[in-house]
Amino acid sequence: MPQGAVTFLGRGLAYVRGRRIVLTICPVCSQRNDKKAAEQGRCLWCAYEPVLEDVRAAGSGTAA
């Protein structure tokens, strides 16, 4: 799994720290996540949980 900034098939924004995914912007509902829910790796708004197969390293210029 890539470390640092990632997207989910080009949508949303998260940060990978070791084996944890901190979900900042949800790829499903596009909402900015609550800090506590982000640290738990799920969306506060729609309950999305990241799918590891969808994780892609965020390149420069990636829109979130």
PDB file of N, CA and C in Angstrom:
ATOM      1  N   MET A   1       0.861  -1.177   0.000  1.00  0.00           N
ATOM      2  CA  MET A   1       0.000   0.000   0.000  1.00  0.00           C
ATOM      3  C   MET A   1       0.901   1.233   0.000  1.00  0.00           C
ATOM      4  N   PRO A   2       0.601   2.218  -0.874  1.00  0.00           N
ATOM      5  CA  PRO A   2       1.422   3.437  -0.900  1.00  0.00           C
ATOM      6  C   PRO A   2       1.286   4.202   0.415  1.00  0.00           C
ATOM      7  N   GLN A   3       2.321   4.924   0.777  1.00  0.00           N
ATOM      8  CA  GLN A   3       2.308   5.741   1.993  1.00  0.00           C
ATOM      9  C   GLN A   3       2.077   7.193   1.604  1.00  0.00           C
ATOM     10  N   GLY A   4       1.559   7.990   2.523  1.00  0.00           N
ATOM     11  CA  GLY A   4       1.313   9.402   2.256  1.00  0.00           C
ATOM     12  C   GLY A   4      -0.066   9.613   1.660  1.00  0.00           C
ATOM     13  N   ALA A   5      -0.199  10.638   0.820  1.00  0.00           N
ATOM     14  CA  ALA A   5      -1.491  11.007   0.235  1.00  0.00           C
ATOM     15  C   ALA A   5      -1.941   9.965  -0.786  1.00  0.00           C
ATOM     16  N   VAL A   6      -3.213   9.559  -0.679  1.00  0.00           N
ATOM     17  CA  VAL A   6      -3.798   8.589  -1.604  1.00  0.00           C
ATOM     18  C   VAL A   6      -5.205   9.015  -1.991  1.00  0.00           C
ATOM     19  N   THR A   7      -5.683   8.439  -3.096  1.00  0.00           N
ATOM     20  CA  THR A   7      -7.071   8.599  -3.510  1.00  0.00           C
ATOM     21  C   THR A   7      -7.656   7.198  -3.640  1.00  0.00           C
ATOM     22  N   PHE A   8      -8.930   7.141  -3.984  1.00  0.00           N
ATOM     23  CA  PHE A   8      -9.607   5.862  -4.208  1.00  0.00           C
ATOM     24  C   PHE A   8     -10.110   5.879  -5.645  1.00  0.00           C
ATOM     25  N   LEU A   9      -9.320   5.283  -6.526  1.00  0.00           N
ATOM     26  CA  LEU A   9      -9.591   5.305  -7.969  1.00  0.00           C
ATOM     27  C   LEU A   9      -9.757   6.739  -8.464  1.00  0.00           C
ATOM     28  N   GLY A  10      -8.943   7.645  -7.916  1.00  0.00           N
ATOM     29  CA  GLY A  10      -8.950   9.034  -8.357  1.00  0.00           C
ATOM     30  C   GLY A  10      -9.934   9.944  -7.651  1.00  0.00           C
ATOM     31  N   ARG A  11     -10.673   9.432  -6.672  1.00  0.00           N
ATOM     32  CA  ARG A  11     -11.662  10.252  -5.953  1.00  0.00           C
ATOM     33  C   ARG A  11     -11.308  10.301  -4.473  1.00  0.00           C
ATOM     34  N   GLY A  12     -11.746  11.360  -3.809  1.00  0.00           N
ATOM     35  CA  GLY A  12     -11.528  11.492  -2.376  1.00  0.00           C
ATOM     36  C   GLY A  12     -10.077  11.786  -2.053  1.00  0.00           C
ATOM     37  N   LEU A  13      -9.776  11.815  -0.764  1.00  0.00           N
ATOM     38  CA  LEU A  13      -8.417  12.058  -0.298  1.00  0.00           C
ATOM     39  C   LEU A  13      -8.234  11.400   1.058  1.00  0.00           C
ATOM     40  N   ALA A  14      -7.122  10.732   1.202  1.00  0.00           N
ATOM     41  CA  ALA A  14      -6.784  10.105   2.475  1.00  0.00           C
ATOM     42  C   ALA A  14      -5.271  10.120   2.622  1.00  0.00           C
ATOM     43  N   TYR A  15      -4.805   9.781   3.807  1.00  0.00           N
ATOM     44  CA  TYR A  15      -3.384   9.665   4.090  1.00  0.00           C
ATOM     45  C   TYR A  15      -3.151   8.302   4.710  1.00  0.00           C
ATOM     46  N   VAL A  16      -2.143   7.611   4.213  1.00  0.00           N
ATOM     47  CA  VAL A  16      -1.798   6.300   4.761  1.00  0.00           C
ATOM     48  C   VAL A  16      -0.619   6.493   5.697  1.00  0.00           C
ATOM     49  N   ARG A  17      -0.785   6.012   6.905  1.00  0.00           N
ATOM     50  CA  ARG A  17       0.261   6.052   7.931  1.00  0.00           C
ATOM     51  C   ARG A  17       0.483   4.623   8.399  1.00  0.00           C
ATOM     52  N   GLY A  18       1.544   4.016   7.908  1.00  0.00           N
ATOM     53  CA  GLY A  18       1.778   2.606   8.224  1.00  0.00           C
ATOM     54  C   GLY A  18       0.715   1.764   7.559  1.00  0.00           C
ATOM     55  N   ARG A  19      -0.131   1.115   8.359  1.00  0.00           N
ATOM     56  CA  ARG A  19      -1.224   0.314   7.818  1.00  0.00           C
ATOM     57  C   ARG A  19      -2.581   0.977   8.015  1.00  0.00           C
ATOM     58  N   ARG A  20      -2.586   2.221   8.547  1.00  0.00           N
ATOM     59  CA  ARG A  20      -3.844   2.942   8.793  1.00  0.00           C
ATOM     60  C   ARG A  20      -4.164   3.903   7.673  1.00  0.00           C
ATOM     61  N   ILE A  21      -5.438   4.017   7.350  1.00  0.00           N
ATOM     62  CA  ILE A  21      -5.917   4.981   6.371  1.00  0.00           C
ATOM     63  C   ILE A  21      -6.711   6.047   7.108  1.00  0.00           C
ATOM     64  N   VAL A  22      -6.272   7.297   6.972  1.00  0.00           N
ATOM     65  CA  VAL A  22      -6.966   8.440   7.564  1.00  0.00           C
ATOM     66  C   VAL A  22      -7.761   9.084   6.430  1.00  0.00           C
ATOM     67  N   LEU A  23      -9.082   8.918   6.457  1.00  0.00           N
ATOM     68  CA  LEU A  23      -9.970   9.345   5.372  1.00  0.00           C
ATOM     69  C   LEU A  23     -10.376  10.807   5.552  1.00  0.00           C
ATOM     70  N   THR A  24      -9.795  11.695   4.750  1.00  0.00           N
ATOM     71  CA  THR A  24     -10.037  13.130   4.867  1.00  0.00           C
ATOM     72  C   THR A  24     -11.257  13.579   4.070  1.00  0.00           C
ATOM     73  N   ILE A  25     -11.331  13.194   2.785  1.00  0.00           N
ATOM     74  CA  ILE A  25     -12.473  13.534   1.932  1.00  0.00           C
ATOM     75  C   ILE A  25     -13.013  12.235   1.342  1.00  0.00           C
ATOM     76  N   CYS A  26     -14.286  11.995   1.546  1.00  0.00           N
ATOM     77  CA  CYS A  26     -14.912  10.741   1.124  1.00  0.00           C
ATOM     78  C   CYS A  26     -15.025  10.657  -0.401  1.00  0.00           C
ATOM     79  N   PRO A  27     -14.633   9.523  -0.998  1.00  0.00           N
ATOM     80  CA  PRO A  27     -14.761   9.367  -2.442  1.00  0.00           C
ATOM     81  C   PRO A  27     -16.187   9.086  -2.899  1.00  0.00           C
ATOM     82  N   VAL A  28     -17.073   8.749  -1.991  1.00  0.00           N
ATOM     83  CA  VAL A  28     -18.460   8.430  -2.345  1.00  0.00           C
ATOM     84  C   VAL A  28     -19.353   9.667  -2.245  1.00  0.00           C
ATOM     85  N   CYS A  29     -19.358  10.327  -1.089  1.00  0.00           N
ATOM     86  CA  CYS A  29     -20.256  11.475  -0.896  1.00  0.00           C
ATOM     87  C   CYS A  29     -19.539  12.822  -1.033  1.00  0.00           C
ATOM     88  N   SER A  30     -18.229  12.807  -1.203  1.00  0.00           N
ATOM     89  CA  SER A  30     -17.400  14.006  -1.412  1.00  0.00           C
ATOM     90  C   SER A  30     -17.404  14.980  -0.242  1.00  0.00           C
ATOM     91  N   GLN A  31     -17.804  14.534   0.931  1.00  0.00           N
ATOM     92  CA  GLN A  31     -17.821  15.395   2.111  1.00  0.00           C
ATOM     93  C   GLN A  31     -16.472  15.363   2.821  1.00  0.00           C
ATOM     94  N   ARG A  32     -16.077  16.518   3.372  1.00  0.00           N
ATOM     95  CA  ARG A  32     -14.891  16.559   4.218  1.00  0.00           C
ATOM     96  C   ARG A  32     -15.255  15.849   5.517  1.00  0.00           C
ATOM     97  N   ASN A  33     -14.418  14.945   5.928  1.00  0.00           N
ATOM     98  CA  ASN A  33     -14.705  14.088   7.065  1.00  0.00           C
ATOM     99  C   ASN A  33     -14.392  14.759   8.398  1.00  0.00           C
ATOM    100  N   ASP A  34     -15.094  14.363   9.424  1.00  0.00           N
ATOM    101  CA  ASP A  34     -14.826  14.738  10.795  1.00  0.00           C
ATOM    102  C   ASP A  34     -13.488  14.143  11.210  1.00  0.00           C
ATOM    103  N   LYS A  35     -12.690  14.873  11.977  1.00  0.00           N
ATOM    104  CA  LYS A  35     -11.350  14.421  12.359  1.00  0.00           C
ATOM    105  C   LYS A  35     -11.363  13.066  13.070  1.00  0.00           C
ATOM    106  N   LYS A  36     -12.281  12.876  13.991  1.00  0.00           N
ATOM    107  CA  LYS A  36     -12.331  11.618  14.748  1.00  0.00           C
ATOM    108  C   LYS A  36     -12.701  10.441  13.837  1.00  0.00           C
ATOM    109  N   ALA A  37     -13.685  10.637  12.968  1.00  0.00           N
ATOM    110  CA  ALA A  37     -14.074   9.580  12.024  1.00  0.00           C
ATOM    111  C   ALA A  37     -12.956   9.319  11.024  1.00  0.00           C
ATOM    112  N   ALA A  38     -12.268  10.387  10.590  1.00  0.00           N
ATOM    113  CA  ALA A  38     -11.153  10.240   9.644  1.00  0.00           C
ATOM    114  C   ALA A  38     -10.082   9.343  10.223  1.00  0.00           C
ATOM    115  N   GLU A  39      -9.741   9.550  11.476  1.00  0.00           N
ATOM    116  CA  GLU A  39      -8.715   8.734  12.144  1.00  0.00           C
ATOM    117  C   GLU A  39      -9.147   7.273  12.260  1.00  0.00           C
ATOM    118  N   GLN A  40     -10.454   7.045  12.310  1.00  0.00           N
ATOM    119  CA  GLN A  40     -10.974   5.672  12.384  1.00  0.00           C
ATOM    120  C   GLN A  40     -11.089   5.028  11.005  1.00  0.00           C
ATOM    121  N   GLY A  41     -10.864   5.829   9.934  1.00  0.00           N
ATOM    122  CA  GLY A  41     -10.856   5.301   8.585  1.00  0.00           C
ATOM    123  C   GLY A  41     -12.228   5.057   7.981  1.00  0.00           C
ATOM    124  N   ARG A  42     -13.222   5.847   8.401  1.00  0.00           N
ATOM    125  CA  ARG A  42     -14.554   5.717   7.804  1.00  0.00           C
ATOM    126  C   ARG A  42     -15.168   7.105   7.676  1.00  0.00           C
ATOM    127  N   CYS A  43     -16.154   7.218   6.786  1.00  0.00           N
ATOM    128  CA  CYS A  43     -16.823   8.503   6.574  1.00  0.00           C
ATOM    129  C   CYS A  43     -17.925   8.702   7.607  1.00  0.00           C
ATOM    130  N   LEU A  44     -17.918   9.836   8.251  1.00  0.00           N
ATOM    131  CA  LEU A  44     -18.954  10.175   9.232  1.00  0.00           C
ATOM    132  C   LEU A  44     -20.312  10.331   8.559  1.00  0.00           C
ATOM    133  N   TRP A  45     -20.338  10.795   7.307  1.00  0.00           N
ATOM    134  CA  TRP A  45     -21.574  11.147   6.629  1.00  0.00           C
ATOM    135  C   TRP A  45     -22.277   9.960   5.984  1.00  0.00           C
ATOM    136  N   CYS A  46     -21.537   9.118   5.270  1.00  0.00           N
ATOM    137  CA  CYS A  46     -22.192   8.012   4.550  1.00  0.00           C
ATOM    138  C   CYS A  46     -21.717   6.628   5.003  1.00  0.00           C
ATOM    139  N   ALA A  47     -20.817   6.577   5.986  1.00  0.00           N
ATOM    140  CA  ALA A  47     -20.292   5.337   6.569  1.00  0.00           C
ATOM    141  C   ALA A  47     -19.395   4.543   5.616  1.00  0.00           C
ATOM    142  N   TYR A  48     -18.885   5.194   4.547  1.00  0.00           N
ATOM    143  CA  TYR A  48     -17.955   4.536   3.634  1.00  0.00           C
ATOM    144  C   TYR A  48     -16.712   4.088   4.391  1.00  0.00           C
ATOM    145  N   GLU A  49     -16.265   2.875   4.099  1.00  0.00           N
ATOM    146  CA  GLU A  49     -14.996   2.366   4.611  1.00  0.00           C
ATOM    147  C   GLU A  49     -14.117   2.041   3.415  1.00  0.00           C
ATOM    148  N   PRO A  50     -12.869   2.516   3.410  1.00  0.00           N
ATOM    149  CA  PRO A  50     -11.986   2.333   2.259  1.00  0.00           C
ATOM    150  C   PRO A  50     -11.796   0.863   1.878  1.00  0.00           C
ATOM    151  N   VAL A  51     -11.716   0.650   0.563  1.00  0.00           N
ATOM    152  CA  VAL A  51     -11.433  -0.664   0.003  1.00  0.00           C
ATOM    153  C   VAL A  51      -9.972  -0.622  -0.444  1.00  0.00           C
ATOM    154  N   LEU A  52      -9.136  -1.479   0.115  1.00  0.00           N
ATOM    155  CA  LEU A  52      -7.706  -1.435  -0.164  1.00  0.00           C
ATOM    156  C   LEU A  52      -7.384  -1.582  -1.646  1.00  0.00           C
ATOM    157  N   GLU A  53      -8.176  -2.326  -2.389  1.00  0.00           N
ATOM    158  CA  GLU A  53      -7.932  -2.510  -3.819  1.00  0.00           C
ATOM    159  C   GLU A  53      -8.098  -1.218  -4.604  1.00  0.00           C
ATOM    160  N   ASP A  54      -8.825  -0.238  -4.051  1.00  0.00           N
ATOM    161  CA  ASP A  54      -9.085   1.028  -4.733  1.00  0.00           C
ATOM    162  C   ASP A  54      -8.043   2.110  -4.425  1.00  0.00           C
ATOM    163  N   VAL A  55      -7.131   1.861  -3.479  1.00  0.00           N
ATOM    164  CA  VAL A  55      -6.152   2.867  -3.061  1.00  0.00           C
ATOM    165  C   VAL A  55      -5.128   3.100  -4.168  1.00  0.00           C
ATOM    166  N   ARG A  56      -4.925   4.382  -4.495  1.00  0.00           N
ATOM    167  CA  ARG A  56      -3.942   4.797  -5.501  1.00  0.00           C
ATOM    168  C   ARG A  56      -3.146   5.965  -4.919  1.00  0.00           C
ATOM    169  N   ALA A  57      -1.859   5.994  -5.179  1.00  0.00           N
ATOM    170  CA  ALA A  57      -1.034   7.121  -4.731  1.00  0.00           C
ATOM    171  C   ALA A  57      -1.546   8.395  -5.400  1.00  0.00           C
ATOM    172  N   ALA A  58      -1.635   9.464  -4.624  1.00  0.00           N
ATOM    173  CA  ALA A  58      -2.092  10.750  -5.157  1.00  0.00           C
ATOM    174  C   ALA A  58      -0.914  11.435  -5.814  1.00  0.00           C
ATOM    175  N   GLY A  59      -0.998  11.650  -7.117  1.00  0.00           N
ATOM    176  CA  GLY A  59       0.067  12.335  -7.847  1.00  0.00           C
ATOM    177  C   GLY A  59      -0.068  13.827  -7.719  1.00  0.00           C
ATOM    178  N   SER A  60       0.929  14.553  -8.191  1.00  0.00           N
ATOM    179  CA  SER A  60       0.856  16.019  -8.162  1.00  0.00           C
ATOM    180  C   SER A  60      -0.258  16.476  -9.089  1.00  0.00           C
ATOM    181  N   GLY A  61      -1.018  17.438  -8.617  1.00  0.00           N
ATOM    182  CA  GLY A  61      -2.118  17.961  -9.414  1.00  0.00           C
ATOM    183  C   GLY A  61      -3.397  17.154  -9.296  1.00  0.00           C
ATOM    184  N   THR A  62      -3.442  16.199  -8.376  1.00  0.00           N
ATOM    185  CA  THR A  62      -4.650  15.396  -8.199  1.00  0.00           C
ATOM    186  C   THR A  62      -5.708  16.227  -7.495  1.00  0.00           C
ATOM    187  N   ALA A  63      -6.856  16.359  -8.093  1.00  0.00           N
ATOM    188  CA  ALA A  63      -7.975  17.071  -7.482  1.00  0.00           C
ATOM    189  C   ALA A  63      -8.674  16.153  -6.506  1.00  0.00           C
ATOM    190  N   ALA A  64      -9.084  16.697  -5.370  1.00  0.00           N
ATOM    191  CA  ALA A  64      -9.745  15.870  -4.369  1.00  0.00           C
ATOM    192  C   ALA A  64     -11.188  16.221  -4.246  1.00  0.00           C
TER     193      ALA A  64
END
